[in-house]
Amino acid sequence: MKKNDHAAMKYQILLMLQQEGPLTPTEITERLAGIIGMDDDEFDERYEGRPNDKVFYKSVATNEQHLKAAGLLDFLGKSGHCITFEGIQALMDNEASRQIEYSYLRQFPEYCQWSEKFRKASTDNEPSHDNLH
């Protein structure tokens, strides 16, 4: 799994939760970094101009959000995240590829509703072509 292989990352997150039970976001991020073979510099990389935002941590968190939106994992507050029945089914459905693609997530109505909010928000913030001269 490469650092930015989001489909493989989503699969690996679910697999860890199935095998180990509830994990905190920090535990998930650290385990994924170990699986990938990330060095300390890569793990600690931060966004330019945003010294508190680690690139890899944000990437993992984003993938966790997508899995939650599809109902494949649940957030348990301070206890961390756990896999749902649907998440276990997703692992079985995607065992051959060991990836959870966005196309797979789109079969879940909750995911489509969740992702539509972001799509609509991004188009609402685009400048109108009528106002451009």
C-alpha atoms as a PDB file:
ATOM      1  CA  MET A   1       0.000   0.000   0.000  1.00  0.00           C
ATOM      2  CA  LYS A   2       1.394   3.395  -1.009  1.00  0.00           C
ATOM      3  CA  LYS A   3       1.030   6.497   1.147  1.00  0.00           C
ATOM      4  CA  ASN A   4      -1.710   8.033  -1.015  1.00  0.00           C
ATOM      5  CA  ASP A   5      -3.487   4.852  -2.101  1.00  0.00           C
ATOM      6  CA  HIS A   6      -6.845   5.818  -0.625  1.00  0.00           C
ATOM      7  CA  ALA A   7      -8.702   2.716  -1.806  1.00  0.00           C
ATOM      8  CA  ALA A   8      -6.135   0.427  -0.166  1.00  0.00           C
ATOM      9  CA  MET A   9      -6.064   2.627   2.929  1.00  0.00           C
ATOM     10  CA  LYS A  10      -9.830   2.334   3.404  1.00  0.00           C
ATOM     11  CA  TYR A  11      -9.602  -1.457   3.113  1.00  0.00           C
ATOM     12  CA  GLN A  12      -6.697  -1.616   5.583  1.00  0.00           C
ATOM     13  CA  ILE A  13      -8.543   0.560   8.127  1.00  0.00           C
ATOM     14  CA  LEU A  14     -11.516  -1.805   8.074  1.00  0.00           C
ATOM     15  CA  LEU A  15      -9.256  -4.852   8.259  1.00  0.00           C
ATOM     16  CA  MET A  16      -7.456  -3.479  11.335  1.00  0.00           C
ATOM     17  CA  LEU A  17     -10.758  -2.746  13.054  1.00  0.00           C
ATOM     18  CA  GLN A  18     -12.024  -6.236  12.281  1.00  0.00           C
ATOM     19  CA  GLN A  19      -8.858  -7.899  13.566  1.00  0.00           C
ATOM     20  CA  GLU A  20      -8.100  -5.685  16.561  1.00  0.00           C
ATOM     21  CA  GLY A  21     -11.425  -4.230  17.656  1.00  0.00           C
ATOM     22  CA  PRO A  22     -11.957  -0.541  18.404  1.00  0.00           C
ATOM     23  CA  LEU A  23      -8.970   1.714  17.716  1.00  0.00           C
ATOM     24  CA  THR A  24      -8.461   5.433  18.189  1.00  0.00           C
ATOM     25  CA  PRO A  25      -7.626   7.610  15.171  1.00  0.00           C
ATOM     26  CA  THR A  26      -4.046   7.920  16.443  1.00  0.00           C
ATOM     27  CA  GLU A  27      -3.693   4.140  16.734  1.00  0.00           C
ATOM     28  CA  ILE A  28      -5.070   3.655  13.229  1.00  0.00           C
ATOM     29  CA  THR A  29      -2.733   6.299  11.792  1.00  0.00           C
ATOM     30  CA  GLU A  30       0.356   4.910  13.518  1.00  0.00           C
ATOM     31  CA  ARG A  31      -0.422   1.321  12.464  1.00  0.00           C
ATOM     32  CA  LEU A  32      -1.012   2.375   8.843  1.00  0.00           C
ATOM     33  CA  ALA A  33       2.292   4.242   8.814  1.00  0.00           C
ATOM     34  CA  GLY A  34       3.993   1.054   9.993  1.00  0.00           C
ATOM     35  CA  ILE A  35       2.269  -1.051   7.342  1.00  0.00           C
ATOM     36  CA  ILE A  36       3.315   1.379   4.622  1.00  0.00           C
ATOM     37  CA  GLY A  37       6.847   1.584   5.975  1.00  0.00           C
ATOM     38  CA  MET A  38       6.723   5.331   6.393  1.00  0.00           C
ATOM     39  CA  ASP A  39       9.745   7.020   7.927  1.00  0.00           C
ATOM     40  CA  ASP A  40       9.466   9.687  10.639  1.00  0.00           C
ATOM     41  CA  ASP A  41       9.910  12.581   8.193  1.00  0.00           C
ATOM     42  CA  GLU A  42       7.044  11.349   5.999  1.00  0.00           C
ATOM     43  CA  PHE A  43       4.852  10.704   9.034  1.00  0.00           C
ATOM     44  CA  ASP A  44       5.522  14.176  10.459  1.00  0.00           C
ATOM     45  CA  GLU A  45       5.117  16.034   7.137  1.00  0.00           C
ATOM     46  CA  ARG A  46       2.852  19.062   7.587  1.00  0.00           C
ATOM     47  CA  TYR A  47       0.935  21.249   5.179  1.00  0.00           C
ATOM     48  CA  GLU A  48       2.740  24.424   4.194  1.00  0.00           C
ATOM     49  CA  GLY A  49       1.434  27.320   6.253  1.00  0.00           C
ATOM     50  CA  ARG A  50      -0.529  24.981   8.557  1.00  0.00           C
ATOM     51  CA  PRO A  51       1.969  23.768  11.168  1.00  0.00           C
ATOM     52  CA  ASN A  52      -0.624  21.825  13.169  1.00  0.00           C
ATOM     53  CA  ASP A  53      -1.957  19.766  10.246  1.00  0.00           C
ATOM     54  CA  LYS A  54      -0.070  16.576   9.444  1.00  0.00           C
ATOM     55  CA  VAL A  55      -0.570  15.438   5.851  1.00  0.00           C
ATOM     56  CA  PHE A  56      -0.797  11.698   6.545  1.00  0.00           C
ATOM     57  CA  TYR A  57      -3.021  12.100   9.609  1.00  0.00           C
ATOM     58  CA  LYS A  58      -5.471  14.224   7.573  1.00  0.00           C
ATOM     59  CA  SER A  59      -5.442  11.655   4.778  1.00  0.00           C
ATOM     60  CA  VAL A  60      -6.308   8.852   7.196  1.00  0.00           C
ATOM     61  CA  ALA A  61      -9.002  10.977   8.850  1.00  0.00           C
ATOM     62  CA  THR A  62     -10.556  11.746   5.467  1.00  0.00           C
ATOM     63  CA  ASN A  63     -10.708   8.057   4.597  1.00  0.00           C
ATOM     64  CA  GLU A  64     -12.260   7.305   7.992  1.00  0.00           C
ATOM     65  CA  GLN A  65     -14.932   9.930   7.275  1.00  0.00           C
ATOM     66  CA  HIS A  66     -15.773   8.286   3.949  1.00  0.00           C
ATOM     67  CA  LEU A  67     -16.074   4.879   5.628  1.00  0.00           C
ATOM     68  CA  LYS A  68     -18.284   6.311   8.352  1.00  0.00           C
ATOM     69  CA  ALA A  69     -20.510   8.082   5.831  1.00  0.00           C
ATOM     70  CA  ALA A  70     -21.085   4.751   4.077  1.00  0.00           C
ATOM     71  CA  GLY A  71     -21.894   3.077   7.408  1.00  0.00           C
ATOM     72  CA  LEU A  72     -18.842   0.800   7.292  1.00  0.00           C
ATOM     73  CA  LEU A  73     -17.427   2.027  10.585  1.00  0.00           C
ATOM     74  CA  ASP A  74     -18.769   3.813  13.638  1.00  0.00           C
ATOM     75  CA  PHE A  75     -17.161   6.471  15.793  1.00  0.00           C
ATOM     76  CA  LEU A  76     -17.314   5.545  19.474  1.00  0.00           C
ATOM     77  CA  GLY A  77     -16.114   8.855  20.860  1.00  0.00           C
ATOM     78  CA  LYS A  78     -12.976   8.549  22.990  1.00  0.00           C
ATOM     79  CA  SER A  79     -13.008   4.760  22.563  1.00  0.00           C
ATOM     80  CA  GLY A  80     -12.157   5.150  18.905  1.00  0.00           C
ATOM     81  CA  HIS A  81     -13.699   3.558  15.843  1.00  0.00           C
ATOM     82  CA  CYS A  82     -15.231   0.135  15.303  1.00  0.00           C
ATOM     83  CA  ILE A  83     -16.227  -1.805  12.222  1.00  0.00           C
ATOM     84  CA  THR A  84     -19.919  -2.368  11.477  1.00  0.00           C
ATOM     85  CA  PHE A  85     -21.626  -5.406   9.971  1.00  0.00           C
ATOM     86  CA  GLU A  86     -21.628  -3.544   6.642  1.00  0.00           C
ATOM     87  CA  GLY A  87     -17.886  -2.964   7.044  1.00  0.00           C
ATOM     88  CA  ILE A  88     -17.291  -6.688   7.509  1.00  0.00           C
ATOM     89  CA  GLN A  89     -19.341  -7.311   4.368  1.00  0.00           C
ATOM     90  CA  ALA A  90     -17.265  -4.699   2.507  1.00  0.00           C
ATOM     91  CA  LEU A  91     -14.090  -6.574   3.455  1.00  0.00           C
ATOM     92  CA  MET A  92     -15.538  -9.786   2.040  1.00  0.00           C
ATOM     93  CA  ASP A  93     -16.812  -8.043  -1.106  1.00  0.00           C
ATOM     94  CA  ASN A  94     -13.405  -6.479  -1.770  1.00  0.00           C
ATOM     95  CA  GLU A  95     -11.093  -9.232  -0.531  1.00  0.00           C
ATOM     96  CA  ALA A  96      -9.640  -9.952  -3.973  1.00  0.00           C
ATOM     97  CA  SER A  97      -8.600  -6.362  -4.698  1.00  0.00           C
ATOM     98  CA  ARG A  98      -7.965  -5.355  -1.052  1.00  0.00           C
ATOM     99  CA  GLN A  99      -9.310  -1.924  -1.949  1.00  0.00           C
ATOM    100  CA  ILE A 100     -12.480   0.005  -1.151  1.00  0.00           C
ATOM    101  CA  GLU A 101     -13.073   2.253  -4.143  1.00  0.00           C
ATOM    102  CA  TYR A 102     -15.351   5.297  -4.098  1.00  0.00           C
ATOM    103  CA  SER A 103     -17.524   3.485  -6.638  1.00  0.00           C
ATOM    104  CA  TYR A 104     -18.149   0.794  -4.006  1.00  0.00           C
ATOM    105  CA  LEU A 105     -19.111   3.400  -1.396  1.00  0.00           C
ATOM    106  CA  ARG A 106     -21.642   4.966  -3.777  1.00  0.00           C
ATOM    107  CA  GLN A 107     -23.933   1.954  -3.409  1.00  0.00           C
ATOM    108  CA  PHE A 108     -24.827   3.208   0.075  1.00  0.00           C
ATOM    109  CA  PRO A 109     -27.539   5.910   0.040  1.00  0.00           C
ATOM    110  CA  GLU A 110     -26.127   7.507   3.208  1.00  0.00           C
ATOM    111  CA  TYR A 111     -22.783   7.943   1.478  1.00  0.00           C
ATOM    112  CA  CYS A 112     -24.367   9.517  -1.590  1.00  0.00           C
ATOM    113  CA  GLN A 113     -26.298  11.978   0.579  1.00  0.00           C
ATOM    114  CA  TRP A 114     -23.180  12.827   2.581  1.00  0.00           C
ATOM    115  CA  SER A 115     -20.962  13.325  -0.472  1.00  0.00           C
ATOM    116  CA  GLU A 116     -23.647  15.386  -2.232  1.00  0.00           C
ATOM    117  CA  LYS A 117     -23.452  17.963   0.583  1.00  0.00           C
ATOM    118  CA  PHE A 118     -19.782  18.556  -0.235  1.00  0.00           C
ATOM    119  CA  ARG A 119     -20.335  18.605  -3.974  1.00  0.00           C
ATOM    120  CA  LYS A 120     -23.129  21.179  -3.577  1.00  0.00           C
ATOM    121  CA  ALA A 121     -21.076  23.305  -1.170  1.00  0.00           C
ATOM    122  CA  SER A 122     -18.150  23.454  -3.588  1.00  0.00           C
ATOM    123  CA  THR A 123     -20.358  24.531  -6.516  1.00  0.00           C
ATOM    124  CA  ASP A 124     -22.144  27.119  -4.336  1.00  0.00           C
ATOM    125  CA  ASN A 125     -18.769  28.744  -3.635  1.00  0.00           C
ATOM    126  CA  GLU A 126     -17.695  29.002  -7.266  1.00  0.00           C
ATOM    127  CA  PRO A 127     -17.920  32.461  -8.813  1.00  0.00           C
ATOM    128  CA  SER A 128     -20.743  32.974 -11.253  1.00  0.00           C
ATOM    129  CA  HIS A 129     -19.616  33.209 -14.849  1.00  0.00           C
ATOM    130  CA  ASP A 130     -22.163  36.011 -15.310  1.00  0.00           C
ATOM    131  CA  ASN A 131     -20.122  38.213 -12.951  1.00  0.00           C
ATOM    132  CA  LEU A 132     -16.869  37.706 -14.815  1.00  0.00           C
ATOM    133  CA  HIS A 133     -16.052  40.314 -17.470  1.00  0.00           C
END
